[in-house]
Amino acid sequence: MRPRVEWMNQTDDRILELLDESELILTPAVIAVNLDYNRSWISRRISKLVDAGFVETVNDGYYRITDYGRAYLEGNLNEDDIEDLSDM
């Protein structure tokens, strides 16, 4: 079971799942189209995921999931493993 921390939401899980399943390096615009969200909302969520170490920047504006992000999806992390970003 995946831990749920205060700053995370359903969009974060969907972004991570898309990056993991596709195994591609994607832009926020491509993610937004595939998940039917606004690009600016996806960009804000990706920033949080980068800060937490779940996603990494490959080139300016391109992102991929990290091993840490995969560990989260697999349920191999607990709440204490995830940085508190709620004030950011």
Protein backbone atom coordinates (compact mmCIF):
# COMPACT_ATOMS: atom_id res chain seq x y z
CA MET A 1 0.00 0.00 0.00
CA ARG A 2 1.27 3.46 -0.89
CA PRO A 3 1.74 5.95 1.92
CA ARG A 4 -0.36 9.09 1.73
CA VAL A 5 1.28 12.27 2.94
CA GLU A 6 -0.40 15.65 3.33
CA TRP A 7 1.08 17.38 0.29
CA MET A 8 0.38 14.53 -2.15
CA ASN A 9 -2.82 14.07 -4.13
CA GLN A 10 -4.33 11.74 -6.73
CA THR A 11 -2.72 13.67 -9.59
CA ASP A 12 0.73 12.85 -8.21
CA ASP A 13 -0.01 9.13 -8.32
CA ARG A 14 -1.34 9.39 -11.87
CA ILE A 15 1.75 11.31 -13.04
CA LEU A 16 4.07 8.74 -11.48
CA GLU A 17 2.09 5.85 -12.92
CA LEU A 18 2.19 7.36 -16.42
CA LEU A 19 5.93 7.98 -16.25
CA ASP A 20 6.53 4.47 -14.91
CA GLU A 21 4.27 2.63 -17.36
CA SER A 22 5.45 4.54 -20.41
CA GLU A 23 9.15 4.39 -19.48
CA LEU A 24 9.44 7.65 -21.44
CA ILE A 25 10.86 11.08 -20.75
CA LEU A 26 7.85 13.40 -20.98
CA THR A 27 6.94 17.08 -20.82
CA PRO A 28 4.20 18.48 -18.59
CA ALA A 29 2.16 19.22 -21.72
CA VAL A 30 2.29 15.59 -22.88
CA ILE A 31 1.43 14.35 -19.39
CA ALA A 32 -1.47 16.81 -19.18
CA VAL A 33 -2.94 15.65 -22.48
CA ASN A 34 -2.69 11.98 -21.50
CA LEU A 35 -4.19 12.50 -18.04
CA ASP A 36 -6.77 15.11 -19.09
CA TYR A 37 -5.46 17.82 -16.77
CA ASN A 38 -4.38 21.42 -17.30
CA ARG A 39 -0.67 21.78 -18.18
CA SER A 40 -0.01 24.38 -15.50
CA TRP A 41 -1.51 22.08 -12.83
CA ILE A 42 0.73 19.22 -14.00
CA SER A 43 3.77 21.53 -13.94
CA ARG A 44 3.05 22.50 -10.32
CA ARG A 45 2.64 18.87 -9.30
CA ILE A 46 5.82 17.82 -11.11
CA SER A 47 7.73 20.51 -9.23
CA LYS A 48 6.61 18.93 -5.96
CA LEU A 49 7.53 15.46 -7.22
CA VAL A 50 10.98 16.69 -8.25
CA ASP A 51 11.48 18.31 -4.82
CA ALA A 52 10.53 15.00 -3.18
CA GLY A 53 12.89 13.00 -5.41
CA PHE A 54 10.15 10.99 -7.16
CA VAL A 55 10.80 12.60 -10.55
CA GLU A 56 13.97 14.02 -12.07
CA THR A 57 14.60 16.66 -14.68
CA VAL A 58 16.33 15.19 -17.73
CA ASN A 59 16.57 18.36 -19.81
CA ASP A 60 14.84 21.65 -19.23
CA GLY A 61 11.14 20.79 -19.34
CA TYR A 62 11.56 17.01 -19.66
CA TYR A 63 11.01 14.58 -16.80
CA ARG A 64 11.26 10.92 -15.87
CA ILE A 65 10.47 8.85 -12.81
CA THR A 66 13.30 7.97 -10.42
CA ASP A 67 13.98 4.68 -8.65
CA TYR A 68 12.68 6.40 -5.51
CA GLY A 69 9.44 7.19 -7.36
CA ARG A 70 9.15 3.56 -8.40
CA ALA A 71 9.72 2.45 -4.80
CA TYR A 72 6.79 4.69 -3.80
CA LEU A 73 4.54 3.17 -6.48
CA GLU A 74 5.49 -0.34 -5.34
CA GLY A 75 4.59 0.53 -1.75
CA ASN A 76 8.18 0.15 -0.54
CA LEU A 77 8.22 3.50 1.27
CA ASN A 78 6.45 4.65 4.40
CA GLU A 79 5.37 8.16 5.40
CA ASP A 80 8.63 8.77 7.27
CA ASP A 81 10.60 8.11 4.06
CA ILE A 82 8.81 10.92 2.19
CA GLU A 83 9.94 14.50 2.74
CA ASP A 84 7.37 16.87 4.21
CA LEU A 85 6.76 19.43 1.45
CA SER A 86 3.44 20.70 2.77
CA ASP A 87 4.91 24.15 3.54
CA MET A 88 6.38 24.57 0.08
